[in-house]
Protein backbone atom coordinates (compact mmCIF):
# COMPACT_ATOMS: atom_id res chain seq x y z
CA MET A 1 0.00 0.00 0.00
CA ARG A 2 2.77 2.41 0.92
CA LEU A 3 4.45 1.84 -2.46
CA VAL A 4 1.24 2.55 -4.34
CA LEU A 5 0.63 5.74 -2.39
CA ASP A 6 4.20 6.91 -2.90
CA CYS A 7 4.62 6.03 -6.57
CA CYS A 8 1.27 6.26 -8.28
CA ASN A 9 0.15 9.77 -7.36
CA THR A 10 -3.50 8.73 -7.29
CA ASP A 11 -6.53 10.38 -5.72
CA ILE A 12 -6.85 8.49 -2.44
CA ASN A 13 -10.54 9.44 -2.21
CA ALA A 14 -11.57 8.50 -5.76
CA ILE A 15 -14.73 6.42 -6.09
CA MET A 16 -14.21 3.30 -8.20
CA TYR A 17 -15.28 3.75 -11.82
CA GLU A 18 -16.40 7.35 -11.27
CA ASP A 19 -14.58 8.35 -14.46
CA HIS A 20 -16.16 5.59 -16.52
CA ARG A 21 -19.90 6.20 -16.39
CA PHE A 22 -21.05 2.92 -17.98
CA SER A 23 -18.93 0.78 -15.64
CA TYR A 24 -20.08 2.83 -12.66
CA GLU A 25 -23.77 2.54 -13.55
CA ILE A 26 -23.75 -1.24 -13.99
CA ARG A 27 -21.78 -1.79 -10.76
CA LYS A 28 -23.13 0.88 -8.40
CA VAL A 29 -25.76 -1.40 -6.91
CA ARG A 30 -22.90 -3.38 -5.33
CA GLY A 31 -21.77 -0.33 -3.40
CA LEU A 32 -18.84 1.25 -5.21
CA GLY A 33 -16.62 3.27 -2.96
CA THR A 34 -13.03 4.26 -2.39
CA ALA A 35 -10.00 2.13 -1.56
CA PHE A 36 -10.88 2.94 2.06
CA HIS A 37 -14.32 1.30 1.69
CA GLU A 38 -12.75 -1.79 0.14
CA ALA A 39 -10.14 -2.09 2.89
CA ALA A 40 -12.89 -1.82 5.52
CA ARG A 41 -14.96 -4.45 3.69
CA ALA A 42 -11.99 -6.82 3.41
CA GLY A 43 -10.91 -6.38 7.03
CA GLN A 44 -7.48 -4.99 6.11
CA LEU A 45 -6.70 -3.09 9.30
CA SER A 46 -3.16 -2.03 8.34
CA THR A 47 -4.46 -0.71 5.01
CA VAL A 48 -7.25 1.22 6.75
CA GLU A 49 -4.70 2.76 9.12
CA THR A 50 -2.35 3.65 6.25
CA LEU A 51 -5.14 5.23 4.23
CA ILE A 52 -6.29 7.31 7.21
CA LYS A 53 -2.73 8.50 7.87
CA ASN A 54 -2.48 9.52 4.22
CA GLY A 55 -5.65 11.56 4.10
CA ALA A 56 -8.47 9.15 3.30
CA ASP A 57 -11.80 10.89 3.83
CA THR A 58 -13.66 8.69 6.31
CA THR A 59 -16.93 10.54 5.70
CA ILE A 60 -17.38 9.60 2.02
CA SER A 61 -20.36 7.37 1.28
CA ASP A 62 -20.28 4.66 -1.37
CA SER A 63 -22.79 4.42 -4.22
CA ARG A 64 -25.31 2.80 -1.85
CA GLY A 65 -24.95 5.59 0.70
CA ASP A 66 -22.85 3.58 3.16
CA LYS A 67 -19.80 4.87 4.96
CA ALA A 68 -16.85 2.54 5.54
CA ILE A 69 -17.78 1.97 9.18
CA ALA A 70 -21.27 0.75 8.20
CA ILE A 71 -19.73 -1.64 5.68
CA ALA A 72 -17.30 -3.00 8.28
CA GLU A 73 -20.17 -3.46 10.74
CA ARG A 74 -22.29 -5.27 8.15
CA VAL A 75 -19.53 -7.79 7.38
CA CYS A 76 -18.50 -8.13 11.06
CA ASN A 77 -15.00 -6.68 10.73
CA HIS A 78 -14.88 -5.73 14.40
CA ALA A 79 -11.25 -4.56 14.46
CA ILE A 80 -11.99 -2.13 11.62
CA VAL A 81 -15.12 -0.83 13.38
CA GLU A 82 -13.14 -0.28 16.56
CA GLU A 83 -10.37 1.57 14.67
CA LEU A 84 -12.85 3.80 12.85
CA ARG A 85 -14.74 4.63 16.04
CA SER A 86 -11.45 5.48 17.73
CA ASN A 87 -10.50 7.68 14.78
CA GLU A 88 -13.88 9.46 14.96
CA SER A 89 -13.39 10.08 18.68
CA GLU A 90 -9.92 11.54 18.07
CA GLN A 91 -11.26 13.82 15.34
CA ASP A 92 -14.13 14.99 17.56
CA SER A 93 -11.71 15.69 20.39
CA ARG A 94 -9.39 17.72 18.15
CA ALA A 95 -12.35 19.63 16.70
CA ARG A 96 -13.53 20.59 20.18
CA LYS A 97 -10.02 21.83 20.99
CA GLY A 98 -9.86 23.74 17.71
CA VAL A 99 -6.92 21.70 16.41
CA ILE A 100 -8.51 20.72 13.09
């Protein structure tokens, strides 16, 4: 993951197939999201952590309207859910302190 982020200069928050309308339309019912959504779905904790550290937007919804935390909950990826809740708590705390 680190190599891809360093070498490919990609939009970390891009929705899959968003630049190819036909592909997006025929696949959107599955819940197309970002790499962050896919890592949460697959239970890849280290990838989720890396994406967050590199600016992944945790508030983006997929094509079905689900955020990554809802996807992780649905597929019972408890470690991911715990990490995302912890991340939300940290963001809320920084926002209250005016750090963000």
